[in-house]
C-alpha atoms as a PDB file:
ATOM      1  CA  MET A   1      35.138 -27.609 -53.303  1.00  0.00           C
ATOM      2  CA  LYS A   2      31.357 -28.241 -52.790  1.00  0.00           C
ATOM      3  CA  ASN A   3      30.676 -27.576 -56.496  1.00  0.00           C
ATOM      4  CA  ILE A   4      33.476 -30.038 -57.496  1.00  0.00           C
ATOM      5  CA  ILE A   5      31.950 -32.757 -55.363  1.00  0.00           C
ATOM      6  CA  ILE A   6      28.489 -32.128 -56.826  1.00  0.00           C
ATOM      7  CA  TYR A   7      29.885 -32.221 -60.361  1.00  0.00           C
ATOM      8  CA  LEU A   8      31.676 -35.463 -59.798  1.00  0.00           C
ATOM      9  CA  PHE A   9      28.584 -37.008 -58.292  1.00  0.00           C
ATOM     10  CA  LEU A  10      26.352 -35.904 -61.190  1.00  0.00           C
ATOM     11  CA  SER A  11      28.933 -36.942 -63.760  1.00  0.00           C
ATOM     12  CA  LEU A  12      29.046 -40.488 -62.374  1.00  0.00           C
ATOM     13  CA  ILE A  13      25.264 -40.641 -62.568  1.00  0.00           C
ATOM     14  CA  LEU A  14      25.207 -39.436 -66.155  1.00  0.00           C
ATOM     15  CA  LEU A  15      27.962 -41.788 -67.285  1.00  0.00           C
ATOM     16  CA  THR A  16      26.037 -44.757 -65.905  1.00  0.00           C
ATOM     17  CA  ALA A  17      22.683 -43.725 -67.451  1.00  0.00           C
ATOM     18  CA  CYS A  18      22.508 -45.640 -70.735  1.00  0.00           C
ATOM     19  CA  PHE A  19      19.129 -44.248 -71.715  1.00  0.00           C
ATOM     20  CA  ASN A  20      17.998 -41.891 -74.395  1.00  0.00           C
ATOM     21  CA  ASP A  21      14.606 -40.978 -75.868  1.00  0.00           C
ATOM     22  CA  LYS A  22      15.381 -42.565 -79.229  1.00  0.00           C
ATOM     23  CA  GLN A  23      15.898 -46.096 -77.907  1.00  0.00           C
ATOM     24  CA  GLN A  24      13.210 -48.607 -78.633  1.00  0.00           C
ATOM     25  CA  GLU A  25      12.378 -51.031 -75.920  1.00  0.00           C
ATOM     26  CA  ASN A  26       9.632 -53.611 -75.968  1.00  0.00           C
ATOM     27  CA  PHE A  27       7.779 -53.227 -72.647  1.00  0.00           C
ATOM     28  CA  SER A  28       6.507 -56.540 -71.493  1.00  0.00           C
ATOM     29  CA  LEU A  29       4.839 -57.839 -68.308  1.00  0.00           C
ATOM     30  CA  LYS A  30       8.342 -58.660 -66.987  1.00  0.00           C
ATOM     31  CA  THR A  31       9.816 -55.243 -67.693  1.00  0.00           C
ATOM     32  CA  SER A  32      10.457 -52.814 -64.861  1.00  0.00           C
ATOM     33  CA  VAL A  33      10.097 -49.076 -65.253  1.00  0.00           C
ATOM     34  CA  LYS A  34      13.259 -47.035 -64.955  1.00  0.00           C
ATOM     35  CA  VAL A  35      12.895 -43.221 -64.644  1.00  0.00           C
ATOM     36  CA  PHE A  36      15.545 -41.334 -66.585  1.00  0.00           C
ATOM     37  CA  ARG A  37      16.855 -38.459 -64.497  1.00  0.00           C
ATOM     38  CA  PHE A  38      16.624 -35.666 -67.093  1.00  0.00           C
ATOM     39  CA  ASP A  39      16.253 -33.373 -64.128  1.00  0.00           C
ATOM     40  CA  ARG A  40      19.868 -34.007 -63.131  1.00  0.00           C
ATOM     41  CA  LEU A  41      20.995 -33.015 -66.570  1.00  0.00           C
ATOM     42  CA  GLN A  42      19.046 -29.826 -66.229  1.00  0.00           C
ATOM     43  CA  TYR A  43      20.507 -29.182 -62.811  1.00  0.00           C
ATOM     44  CA  GLU A  44      24.090 -29.747 -63.929  1.00  0.00           C
ATOM     45  CA  ALA A  45      23.534 -27.524 -67.017  1.00  0.00           C
ATOM     46  CA  VAL A  46      22.278 -24.667 -64.933  1.00  0.00           C
ATOM     47  CA  ALA A  47      23.932 -24.966 -61.525  1.00  0.00           C
ATOM     48  CA  LEU A  48      27.352 -25.606 -62.983  1.00  0.00           C
ATOM     49  CA  ASN A  49      26.812 -23.971 -66.353  1.00  0.00           C
ATOM     50  CA  SER A  50      28.028 -27.273 -67.846  1.00  0.00           C
ATOM     51  CA  PHE A  51      28.349 -27.322 -71.605  1.00  0.00           C
ATOM     52  CA  THR A  52      28.638 -31.138 -71.451  1.00  0.00           C
ATOM     53  CA  ALA A  53      25.257 -31.428 -69.814  1.00  0.00           C
ATOM     54  CA  GLN A  54      23.731 -29.072 -72.331  1.00  0.00           C
ATOM     55  CA  GLN A  55      25.037 -31.212 -75.166  1.00  0.00           C
ATOM     56  CA  LYS A  56      23.699 -34.392 -73.500  1.00  0.00           C
ATOM     57  CA  MET A  57      20.256 -32.812 -73.236  1.00  0.00           C
ATOM     58  CA  SER A  58      20.127 -32.124 -76.928  1.00  0.00           C
ATOM     59  CA  LEU A  59      21.994 -35.174 -78.273  1.00  0.00           C
ATOM     60  CA  ASP A  60      20.952 -37.914 -75.909  1.00  0.00           C
ATOM     61  CA  PHE A  61      17.447 -36.678 -75.157  1.00  0.00           C
ATOM     62  CA  PRO A  62      16.343 -34.602 -78.103  1.00  0.00           C
ATOM     63  CA  GLN A  63      12.547 -35.230 -77.884  1.00  0.00           C
ATOM     64  CA  GLY A  64      12.410 -34.454 -74.107  1.00  0.00           C
ATOM     65  CA  THR A  65      14.503 -31.369 -74.671  1.00  0.00           C
ATOM     66  CA  LYS A  66      12.267 -30.246 -77.501  1.00  0.00           C
ATOM     67  CA  LEU A  67       9.159 -30.724 -75.387  1.00  0.00           C
ATOM     68  CA  LEU A  68      10.736 -28.723 -72.522  1.00  0.00           C
ATOM     69  CA  ILE A  69      11.907 -25.824 -74.596  1.00  0.00           C
ATOM     70  CA  GLU A  70       9.055 -25.444 -77.099  1.00  0.00           C
ATOM     71  CA  ASP A  71       5.904 -26.724 -75.294  1.00  0.00           C
ATOM     72  CA  VAL A  72       6.632 -26.451 -71.520  1.00  0.00           C
ATOM     73  CA  LEU A  73       8.706 -23.272 -71.294  1.00  0.00           C
ATOM     74  CA  GLY A  74       7.844 -21.627 -74.660  1.00  0.00           C
ATOM     75  CA  LEU A  75      11.408 -20.438 -75.238  1.00  0.00           C
ATOM     76  CA  GLY A  76      11.287 -20.790 -78.999  1.00  0.00           C
ATOM     77  CA  LEU A  77      12.618 -23.496 -81.273  1.00  0.00           C
ATOM     78  CA  ALA A  78      14.894 -26.169 -79.878  1.00  0.00           C
ATOM     79  CA  THR A  79      17.057 -25.740 -82.952  1.00  0.00           C
ATOM     80  CA  ASP A  80      17.770 -22.094 -82.186  1.00  0.00           C
ATOM     81  CA  PRO A  81      21.595 -21.772 -81.698  1.00  0.00           C
ATOM     82  CA  SER A  82      20.996 -19.490 -78.722  1.00  0.00           C
ATOM     83  CA  VAL A  83      18.330 -21.550 -77.021  1.00  0.00           C
ATOM     84  CA  HIS A  84      20.739 -22.976 -74.411  1.00  0.00           C
ATOM     85  CA  GLU A  85      21.659 -19.445 -73.401  1.00  0.00           C
ATOM     86  CA  LYS A  86      17.904 -18.713 -72.976  1.00  0.00           C
ATOM     87  CA  LEU A  87      17.471 -21.935 -70.994  1.00  0.00           C
ATOM     88  CA  TYR A  88      20.340 -21.046 -68.711  1.00  0.00           C
ATOM     89  CA  ALA A  89      19.036 -17.504 -68.183  1.00  0.00           C
ATOM     90  CA  TYR A  90      15.566 -18.841 -67.496  1.00  0.00           C
ATOM     91  CA  TYR A  91      16.582 -21.266 -64.736  1.00  0.00           C
ATOM     92  CA  SER A  92      19.267 -18.975 -63.293  1.00  0.00           C
ATOM     93  CA  ASP A  93      16.599 -17.035 -61.420  1.00  0.00           C
ATOM     94  CA  SER A  94      17.459 -17.437 -57.671  1.00  0.00           C
ATOM     95  CA  THR A  95      13.960 -18.741 -56.864  1.00  0.00           C
ATOM     96  CA  LEU A  96      14.134 -21.418 -59.487  1.00  0.00           C
ATOM     97  CA  MET A  97      17.635 -22.380 -58.491  1.00  0.00           C
ATOM     98  CA  LYS A  98      16.470 -22.951 -54.892  1.00  0.00           C
ATOM     99  CA  LEU A  99      13.491 -24.923 -56.166  1.00  0.00           C
ATOM    100  CA  MET A 100      15.812 -27.096 -58.335  1.00  0.00           C
ATOM    101  CA  GLU A 101      18.090 -27.777 -55.349  1.00  0.00           C
ATOM    102  CA  ASP A 102      15.217 -28.658 -53.081  1.00  0.00           C
ATOM    103  CA  ALA A 103      13.653 -30.948 -55.763  1.00  0.00           C
ATOM    104  CA  GLU A 104      16.965 -32.781 -56.295  1.00  0.00           C
ATOM    105  CA  ASN A 105      17.340 -33.307 -52.541  1.00  0.00           C
ATOM    106  CA  LYS A 106      13.777 -34.535 -52.147  1.00  0.00           C
ATOM    107  CA  TYR A 107      13.886 -36.932 -55.066  1.00  0.00           C
ATOM    108  CA  MET A 108      17.385 -38.397 -54.719  1.00  0.00           C
ATOM    109  CA  ASP A 109      15.817 -41.920 -54.750  1.00  0.00           C
ATOM    110  CA  MET A 110      13.223 -42.666 -57.412  1.00  0.00           C
ATOM    111  CA  SER A 111      12.873 -46.393 -56.629  1.00  0.00           C
ATOM    112  CA  GLY A 112       9.519 -46.174 -54.862  1.00  0.00           C
ATOM    113  CA  ILE A 113       7.942 -44.292 -57.732  1.00  0.00           C
ATOM    114  CA  GLU A 114       9.496 -46.666 -60.275  1.00  0.00           C
ATOM    115  CA  LYS A 115       7.901 -49.633 -58.466  1.00  0.00           C
ATOM    116  CA  GLN A 116       4.482 -48.030 -58.467  1.00  0.00           C
ATOM    117  CA  LEU A 117       4.773 -47.098 -62.108  1.00  0.00           C
ATOM    118  CA  THR A 118       5.927 -50.602 -62.915  1.00  0.00           C
ATOM    119  CA  ASP A 119       2.985 -52.201 -61.083  1.00  0.00           C
ATOM    120  CA  GLY A 120       0.410 -49.789 -62.610  1.00  0.00           C
ATOM    121  CA  PHE A 121       1.638 -49.974 -66.233  1.00  0.00           C
ATOM    122  CA  ARG A 122       2.159 -53.746 -66.090  1.00  0.00           C
ATOM    123  CA  ARG A 123      -1.527 -54.055 -65.220  1.00  0.00           C
ATOM    124  CA  LEU A 124      -2.407 -51.678 -68.021  1.00  0.00           C
ATOM    125  CA  LYS A 125      -0.329 -53.690 -70.430  1.00  0.00           C
ATOM    126  CA  LYS A 126      -2.041 -56.830 -69.315  1.00  0.00           C
ATOM    127  CA  GLU A 127      -5.474 -55.278 -69.828  1.00  0.00           C
ATOM    128  CA  VAL A 128      -4.637 -53.532 -73.112  1.00  0.00           C
ATOM    129  CA  PRO A 129      -1.816 -55.579 -74.638  1.00  0.00           C
ATOM    130  CA  GLU A 130      -1.532 -53.380 -77.766  1.00  0.00           C
ATOM    131  CA  ILE A 131      -0.941 -50.152 -75.850  1.00  0.00           C
ATOM    132  CA  ALA A 132       2.561 -48.704 -76.132  1.00  0.00           C
ATOM    133  CA  ILE A 133       4.154 -48.114 -72.745  1.00  0.00           C
ATOM    134  CA  PRO A 134       6.236 -44.878 -72.739  1.00  0.00           C
ATOM    135  CA  ARG A 135       9.755 -44.198 -71.488  1.00  0.00           C
ATOM    136  CA  PHE A 136       9.592 -42.190 -68.262  1.00  0.00           C
ATOM    137  CA  TYR A 137      11.667 -39.309 -67.252  1.00  0.00           C
ATOM    138  CA  ALA A 138      11.758 -36.759 -64.466  1.00  0.00           C
ATOM    139  CA  GLN A 139      12.249 -33.086 -65.215  1.00  0.00           C
ATOM    140  CA  ILE A 140      12.190 -29.610 -63.713  1.00  0.00           C
ATOM    141  CA  SER A 141       9.443 -27.648 -65.494  1.00  0.00           C
ATOM    142  CA  ALA A 142       9.860 -24.379 -63.541  1.00  0.00           C
ATOM    143  CA  LEU A 143       6.346 -24.888 -62.144  1.00  0.00           C
ATOM    144  CA  ASN A 144       4.704 -25.379 -65.528  1.00  0.00           C
ATOM    145  CA  GLN A 145       3.059 -28.662 -66.605  1.00  0.00           C
ATOM    146  CA  SER A 146       2.974 -31.453 -64.013  1.00  0.00           C
ATOM    147  CA  VAL A 147       2.973 -34.223 -66.641  1.00  0.00           C
ATOM    148  CA  VAL A 148       3.854 -34.055 -70.312  1.00  0.00           C
ATOM    149  CA  VAL A 149       3.123 -36.817 -72.841  1.00  0.00           C
ATOM    150  CA  GLY A 150       5.030 -37.075 -76.107  1.00  0.00           C
ATOM    151  CA  ASP A 151       5.605 -39.713 -78.754  1.00  0.00           C
ATOM    152  CA  SER A 152       6.652 -42.740 -76.640  1.00  0.00           C
ATOM    153  CA  LEU A 153       7.589 -40.379 -73.754  1.00  0.00           C
ATOM    154  CA  LEU A 154       6.057 -39.481 -70.438  1.00  0.00           C
ATOM    155  CA  GLY A 155       7.719 -36.854 -68.257  1.00  0.00           C
ATOM    156  CA  PHE A 156       6.698 -35.735 -64.792  1.00  0.00           C
ATOM    157  CA  SER A 157       7.960 -32.535 -63.115  1.00  0.00           C
ATOM    158  CA  ILE A 158       9.320 -33.198 -59.687  1.00  0.00           C
ATOM    159  CA  ASP A 159       9.222 -29.428 -58.941  1.00  0.00           C
ATOM    160  CA  LYS A 160       5.399 -29.666 -59.135  1.00  0.00           C
ATOM    161  CA  TYR A 161       5.268 -32.417 -56.442  1.00  0.00           C
ATOM    162  CA  MET A 162       7.193 -30.999 -53.510  1.00  0.00           C
ATOM    163  CA  GLY A 163       4.266 -31.334 -51.056  1.00  0.00           C
ATOM    164  CA  GLU A 164       1.402 -28.927 -50.384  1.00  0.00           C
ATOM    165  CA  ASP A 165       3.238 -27.266 -47.450  1.00  0.00           C
ATOM    166  CA  TYR A 166       6.336 -26.462 -49.495  1.00  0.00           C
ATOM    167  CA  PRO A 167       6.992 -22.714 -48.689  1.00  0.00           C
ATOM    168  CA  LEU A 168       7.173 -21.549 -52.298  1.00  0.00           C
ATOM    169  CA  TYR A 169       3.822 -23.155 -53.066  1.00  0.00           C
ATOM    170  CA  ARG A 170       2.225 -21.468 -50.048  1.00  0.00           C
ATOM    171  CA  LYS A 171       3.382 -18.164 -51.471  1.00  0.00           C
ATOM    172  CA  TYR A 172       2.011 -18.539 -54.976  1.00  0.00           C
ATOM    173  CA  TYR A 173      -0.777 -21.145 -54.946  1.00  0.00           C
ATOM    174  CA  TYR A 174      -4.250 -21.457 -53.390  1.00  0.00           C
ATOM    175  CA  ALA A 175      -4.896 -24.275 -50.992  1.00  0.00           C
ATOM    176  CA  TYR A 176      -7.060 -26.139 -53.535  1.00  0.00           C
ATOM    177  CA  GLN A 177      -4.174 -25.974 -56.052  1.00  0.00           C
ATOM    178  CA  ARG A 178      -1.518 -27.061 -53.483  1.00  0.00           C
ATOM    179  CA  ARG A 179      -3.326 -30.274 -52.604  1.00  0.00           C
ATOM    180  CA  THR A 180      -2.631 -31.702 -56.046  1.00  0.00           C
ATOM    181  CA  MET A 181       1.119 -31.061 -55.554  1.00  0.00           C
ATOM    182  CA  ASN A 182       1.969 -33.939 -53.185  1.00  0.00           C
ATOM    183  CA  PRO A 183       4.453 -36.696 -54.106  1.00  0.00           C
ATOM    184  CA  GLU A 184       1.735 -39.348 -53.962  1.00  0.00           C
ATOM    185  CA  ARG A 185       0.008 -37.704 -56.885  1.00  0.00           C
ATOM    186  CA  ILE A 186       2.813 -38.545 -59.350  1.00  0.00           C
ATOM    187  CA  VAL A 187       1.877 -42.056 -60.281  1.00  0.00           C
ATOM    188  CA  PRO A 188      -1.946 -41.536 -60.508  1.00  0.00           C
ATOM    189  CA  ASP A 189      -1.289 -38.375 -62.563  1.00  0.00           C
ATOM    190  CA  CYS A 190       1.062 -40.254 -64.968  1.00  0.00           C
ATOM    191  CA  LEU A 191      -1.461 -43.032 -65.559  1.00  0.00           C
ATOM    192  CA  THR A 192      -4.360 -40.606 -65.879  1.00  0.00           C
ATOM    193  CA  PHE A 193      -2.658 -38.191 -68.317  1.00  0.00           C
ATOM    194  CA  TYR A 194      -1.352 -41.114 -70.402  1.00  0.00           C
ATOM    195  CA  LEU A 195      -4.765 -42.728 -70.725  1.00  0.00           C
ATOM    196  CA  PHE A 196      -6.331 -39.382 -71.678  1.00  0.00           C
ATOM    197  CA  SER A 197      -3.724 -39.094 -74.426  1.00  0.00           C
ATOM    198  CA  TYR A 198      -4.739 -42.524 -75.743  1.00  0.00           C
ATOM    199  CA  TYR A 199      -8.478 -42.131 -75.153  1.00  0.00           C
ATOM    200  CA  PRO A 200      -9.271 -38.403 -75.557  1.00  0.00           C
ATOM    201  CA  PHE A 201     -12.745 -37.053 -75.213  1.00  0.00           C
ATOM    202  CA  ARG A 202     -14.513 -37.013 -78.636  1.00  0.00           C
ATOM    203  CA  TRP A 203     -15.938 -33.504 -79.183  1.00  0.00           C
ATOM    204  CA  LEU A 204     -18.736 -34.542 -81.462  1.00  0.00           C
ATOM    205  CA  ALA A 205     -22.042 -32.796 -82.112  1.00  0.00           C
ATOM    206  CA  GLY A 206     -24.599 -33.911 -79.510  1.00  0.00           C
ATOM    207  CA  HIS A 207     -21.780 -35.497 -77.492  1.00  0.00           C
ATOM    208  CA  ARG A 208     -20.313 -32.687 -75.375  1.00  0.00           C
ATOM    209  CA  SER A 209     -22.654 -32.163 -72.417  1.00  0.00           C
ATOM    210  CA  LEU A 210     -21.578 -32.207 -68.798  1.00  0.00           C
ATOM    211  CA  SER A 211     -22.902 -35.792 -68.355  1.00  0.00           C
ATOM    212  CA  ASP A 212     -20.831 -36.949 -71.345  1.00  0.00           C
ATOM    213  CA  ILE A 213     -17.670 -35.357 -69.923  1.00  0.00           C
ATOM    214  CA  LEU A 214     -18.277 -36.777 -66.439  1.00  0.00           C
ATOM    215  CA  MET A 215     -18.737 -40.279 -67.858  1.00  0.00           C
ATOM    216  CA  HIS A 216     -15.568 -40.009 -69.942  1.00  0.00           C
ATOM    217  CA  GLN A 217     -13.428 -38.673 -67.135  1.00  0.00           C
ATOM    218  CA  GLY A 218     -15.098 -40.990 -64.707  1.00  0.00           C
ATOM    219  CA  LYS A 219     -14.193 -44.072 -66.704  1.00  0.00           C
ATOM    220  CA  VAL A 220     -10.568 -43.067 -67.044  1.00  0.00           C
ATOM    221  CA  TYR A 221     -10.145 -42.313 -63.293  1.00  0.00           C
ATOM    222  CA  TRP A 222     -12.051 -45.541 -62.496  1.00  0.00           C
ATOM    223  CA  VAL A 223      -9.601 -47.467 -64.576  1.00  0.00           C
ATOM    224  CA  VAL A 224      -6.624 -45.773 -62.874  1.00  0.00           C
ATOM    225  CA  LYS A 225      -8.064 -46.591 -59.509  1.00  0.00           C
ATOM    226  CA  ASN A 226      -8.288 -50.247 -60.425  1.00  0.00           C
ATOM    227  CA  LEU A 227      -4.885 -50.366 -62.039  1.00  0.00           C
ATOM    228  CA  LEU A 228      -3.376 -49.040 -58.803  1.00  0.00           C
ATOM    229  CA  LYS A 229      -5.527 -51.290 -56.659  1.00  0.00           C
ATOM    230  CA  LEU A 230      -6.993 -48.360 -54.709  1.00  0.00           C
ATOM    231  CA  SER A 231      -9.956 -49.053 -52.459  1.00  0.00           C
ATOM    232  CA  ALA A 232     -12.135 -45.936 -52.846  1.00  0.00           C
ATOM    233  CA  ASN A 233     -12.948 -43.655 -55.809  1.00  0.00           C
ATOM    234  CA  GLY A 234     -11.897 -40.612 -53.728  1.00  0.00           C
ATOM    235  CA  GLU A 235      -8.464 -42.104 -53.152  1.00  0.00           C
ATOM    236  CA  VAL A 236      -7.429 -41.669 -56.794  1.00  0.00           C
ATOM    237  CA  LEU A 237      -8.670 -38.048 -56.607  1.00  0.00           C
ATOM    238  CA  GLY A 238      -6.627 -37.299 -53.508  1.00  0.00           C
ATOM    239  CA  TYR A 239      -9.681 -37.036 -51.201  1.00  0.00           C
ATOM    240  CA  THR A 240      -9.415 -37.134 -47.460  1.00  0.00           C
ATOM    241  CA  ASP A 241     -11.572 -39.747 -45.618  1.00  0.00           C
ATOM    242  CA  GLU A 242     -13.938 -36.939 -44.646  1.00  0.00           C
ATOM    243  CA  GLU A 243     -14.354 -35.833 -48.266  1.00  0.00           C
ATOM    244  CA  GLN A 244     -15.053 -39.371 -49.360  1.00  0.00           C
ATOM    245  CA  GLU A 245     -17.654 -39.708 -46.644  1.00  0.00           C
ATOM    246  CA  TRP A 246     -19.248 -36.355 -47.539  1.00  0.00           C
ATOM    247  CA  CYS A 247     -19.621 -37.435 -51.155  1.00  0.00           C
ATOM    248  CA  GLU A 248     -21.132 -40.791 -50.229  1.00  0.00           C
ATOM    249  CA  GLU A 249     -23.618 -39.098 -47.831  1.00  0.00           C
ATOM    250  CA  ASN A 250     -24.626 -36.375 -50.298  1.00  0.00           C
ATOM    251  CA  GLU A 251     -24.482 -38.200 -53.667  1.00  0.00           C
ATOM    252  CA  LYS A 252     -28.232 -38.499 -54.183  1.00  0.00           C
ATOM    253  CA  LYS A 253     -28.763 -34.879 -53.200  1.00  0.00           C
ATOM    254  CA  ILE A 254     -26.104 -33.686 -55.719  1.00  0.00           C
ATOM    255  CA  TRP A 255     -27.607 -35.750 -58.528  1.00  0.00           C
ATOM    256  CA  ALA A 256     -31.104 -34.409 -57.719  1.00  0.00           C
ATOM    257  CA  TRP A 257     -29.821 -30.801 -57.612  1.00  0.00           C
ATOM    258  CA  MET A 258     -27.946 -31.231 -60.907  1.00  0.00           C
ATOM    259  CA  LYS A 259     -31.115 -32.451 -62.593  1.00  0.00           C
ATOM    260  CA  THR A 260     -33.230 -29.651 -61.171  1.00  0.00           C
ATOM    261  CA  LYS A 261     -30.709 -27.065 -62.379  1.00  0.00           C
ATOM    262  CA  GLY A 262     -30.438 -28.702 -65.846  1.00  0.00           C
ATOM    263  CA  HIS A 263     -26.648 -29.057 -65.383  1.00  0.00           C
ATOM    264  CA  LEU A 264     -26.408 -32.583 -66.763  1.00  0.00           C
ATOM    265  CA  SER A 265     -27.264 -31.466 -70.264  1.00  0.00           C
ATOM    266  CA  THR A 266     -25.434 -28.203 -70.193  1.00  0.00           C
ATOM    267  CA  THR A 267     -22.478 -27.444 -72.480  1.00  0.00           C
ATOM    268  CA  ASP A 268     -21.633 -24.238 -70.541  1.00  0.00           C
ATOM    269  CA  PRO A 269     -17.830 -24.373 -70.024  1.00  0.00           C
ATOM    270  CA  MET A 270     -18.015 -22.472 -66.715  1.00  0.00           C
ATOM    271  CA  ILE A 271     -20.441 -25.014 -65.182  1.00  0.00           C
ATOM    272  CA  ILE A 272     -18.554 -27.896 -66.620  1.00  0.00           C
ATOM    273  CA  ARG A 273     -15.310 -26.547 -65.140  1.00  0.00           C
ATOM    274  CA  ALA A 274     -16.906 -26.173 -61.697  1.00  0.00           C
ATOM    275  CA  TYR A 275     -17.691 -29.926 -61.610  1.00  0.00           C
ATOM    276  CA  THR A 276     -14.348 -31.071 -63.105  1.00  0.00           C
ATOM    277  CA  HIS A 277     -11.967 -28.571 -61.532  1.00  0.00           C
ATOM    278  CA  ALA A 278     -10.301 -28.314 -58.130  1.00  0.00           C
ATOM    279  CA  ASP A 279     -12.339 -25.185 -57.302  1.00  0.00           C
ATOM    280  CA  PRO A 280     -16.122 -25.879 -57.527  1.00  0.00           C
ATOM    281  CA  SER A 281     -17.161 -22.476 -56.155  1.00  0.00           C
ATOM    282  CA  ALA A 282     -18.486 -21.183 -59.490  1.00  0.00           C
ATOM    283  CA  VAL A 283     -21.499 -23.552 -59.009  1.00  0.00           C
ATOM    284  CA  PHE A 284     -21.509 -24.398 -55.283  1.00  0.00           C
ATOM    285  CA  GLY A 285     -20.546 -20.958 -53.927  1.00  0.00           C
ATOM    286  CA  ARG A 286     -19.231 -21.168 -50.350  1.00  0.00           C
ATOM    287  CA  LEU A 287     -20.597 -24.708 -49.769  1.00  0.00           C
ATOM    288  CA  GLN A 288     -17.608 -26.889 -48.865  1.00  0.00           C
ATOM    289  CA  VAL A 289     -17.675 -29.357 -51.773  1.00  0.00           C
ATOM    290  CA  PRO A 290     -14.722 -31.614 -52.480  1.00  0.00           C
ATOM    291  CA  PRO A 291     -12.736 -30.765 -55.596  1.00  0.00           C
ATOM    292  CA  VAL A 292     -13.600 -32.384 -58.945  1.00  0.00           C
ATOM    293  CA  VAL A 293     -16.831 -33.661 -57.396  1.00  0.00           C
ATOM    294  CA  GLY A 294     -18.279 -34.331 -60.845  1.00  0.00           C
ATOM    295  CA  VAL A 295     -15.440 -36.812 -61.586  1.00  0.00           C
ATOM    296  CA  TRP A 296     -16.212 -38.632 -58.372  1.00  0.00           C
ATOM    297  CA  LEU A 297     -19.861 -38.833 -59.399  1.00  0.00           C
ATOM    298  CA  GLY A 298     -18.814 -40.129 -62.829  1.00  0.00           C
ATOM    299  CA  MET A 299     -16.710 -42.821 -61.203  1.00  0.00           C
ATOM    300  CA  GLN A 300     -19.630 -43.864 -59.059  1.00  0.00           C
ATOM    301  CA  GLN A 301     -21.752 -44.229 -62.140  1.00  0.00           C
ATOM    302  CA  ILE A 302     -19.045 -46.277 -63.810  1.00  0.00           C
ATOM    303  CA  ASP A 303     -18.949 -48.508 -60.774  1.00  0.00           C
ATOM    304  CA  ARG A 304     -22.652 -49.240 -61.207  1.00  0.00           C
ATOM    305  CA  PHE A 305     -22.292 -49.680 -64.967  1.00  0.00           C
ATOM    306  CA  MET A 306     -19.491 -52.229 -64.596  1.00  0.00           C
ATOM    307  CA  LYS A 307     -21.479 -54.176 -62.038  1.00  0.00           C
ATOM    308  CA  GLN A 308     -24.305 -54.351 -64.556  1.00  0.00           C
ATOM    309  CA  HIS A 309     -21.819 -55.491 -67.218  1.00  0.00           C
ATOM    310  CA  PRO A 310     -19.528 -57.920 -65.347  1.00  0.00           C
ATOM    311  CA  LYS A 311     -18.048 -59.315 -68.586  1.00  0.00           C
ATOM    312  CA  MET A 312     -16.907 -55.958 -69.881  1.00  0.00           C
ATOM    313  CA  THR A 313     -13.089 -55.628 -69.810  1.00  0.00           C
ATOM    314  CA  ILE A 314     -11.086 -52.497 -69.029  1.00  0.00           C
ATOM    315  CA  LYS A 315     -10.080 -52.314 -72.640  1.00  0.00           C
ATOM    316  CA  GLU A 316     -13.704 -52.431 -73.717  1.00  0.00           C
ATOM    317  CA  LEU A 317     -14.652 -49.801 -71.134  1.00  0.00           C
ATOM    318  CA  LEU A 318     -11.952 -47.401 -72.376  1.00  0.00           C
ATOM    319  CA  GLU A 319     -13.187 -47.729 -75.908  1.00  0.00           C
ATOM    320  CA  TYR A 320     -16.820 -47.449 -74.937  1.00  0.00           C
ATOM    321  CA  ASN A 321     -18.290 -43.989 -75.785  1.00  0.00           C
ATOM    322  CA  SER A 322     -22.040 -44.552 -75.730  1.00  0.00           C
ATOM    323  CA  PHE A 323     -22.447 -42.455 -72.634  1.00  0.00           C
ATOM    324  CA  GLU A 324     -26.209 -42.100 -73.173  1.00  0.00           C
ATOM    325  CA  LYS A 325     -26.446 -45.706 -72.176  1.00  0.00           C
ATOM    326  CA  MET A 326     -24.724 -45.101 -68.900  1.00  0.00           C
ATOM    327  CA  SER A 327     -27.853 -43.930 -67.159  1.00  0.00           C
ATOM    328  CA  LEU A 328     -27.489 -41.104 -64.669  1.00  0.00           C
ATOM    329  CA  ASP A 329     -30.905 -41.820 -63.148  1.00  0.00           C
END
C-alpha cells in the first residue's frame, strides 16, 4: 500500500511537470527559476522499477540523462539498449537506495533554492546581458559530481548536499570534504561552476603560475559573492567567522611567506592544489589554515583591484585576464 501511495504521488508530480531539456526559454530579468525534479524520475525508475519513468528520463530529458549515464556515472553510452538495466542495477544498491530516500525527504520543497537561484542569476543576467541562463535540474548522482554543466543545462546533485553530519558522509568522507556538502552550498556552487564554464582559465604559456590561478579563481568567487549579496569573502567559501578572522589577521604574513618560498611564481601542481583545495596540509602541514586559503587571498586582491578601478563592470572583470597587472605586492 505504501508503494502505491508513493507511486501516485510521484505520478501526479510528473504529469504536472511540463519541462524538458529541449525546450527553449528566453530568460529575462522577470523570469523565475524553476528546478526540474529529475531526481524524482530517477527515484521512481529505481524504487518502483517503473518503465514509464525510465522512458520519461530518455524521451523528456535526453541531455540530462546522457550527462548522467555517460559523464557522471560512466555506465557507457546512453543509446545502449541495456543501459536502463545497468542504471537500475547501479542504484539498487541498498546504501544508494537509502541515500535516495533521505535526499527525497530532505528536498521535498525546492522553493527556497529556486528563489536564491532566481536572485543570483537575475543579477548575473543584468551584469552580463548576453550570457545564456541555463535550465536547472536536481538529480541523484550517487555521490559523484556535485554540479554538472551541459549545453543550456545546469544540474546539482541533492545527494551531495545532505549536510556535513549526514551519517553516510561521516563514514566515507574526511571532515574537510564534508564541510562542502551542506545545503547552503548549492546556490554558490551553481553560480561558481557556471561562471567557470563560461570563463575558464586560459592555460597559456607564461600564464599558468599560482598567482595567475589565484587571480582567476578569486575574480570568479568575488563575482559570486557580489551576485549573492554576501558580506564577506569567506562567506562564499563556506568559512566560519573564526576562519574569516584568522585570514584577516594573517593575510600579510601569508603573502610574505608565499613570496619568500617562491610560491607565487610556481607552476607545481601540488603547491597550487594546496592553496586552492579544501586540504592545505601539503604546504602548511599541521598548521590550522582555512581551506582554499589561496582563493580567499585572490578575492582580497580583487577587492583592492576593483576599488582602484571603480568604473570596471562585473562583465569587464570576468573578461579581464591581465593578471600581471593585478599586483600582489
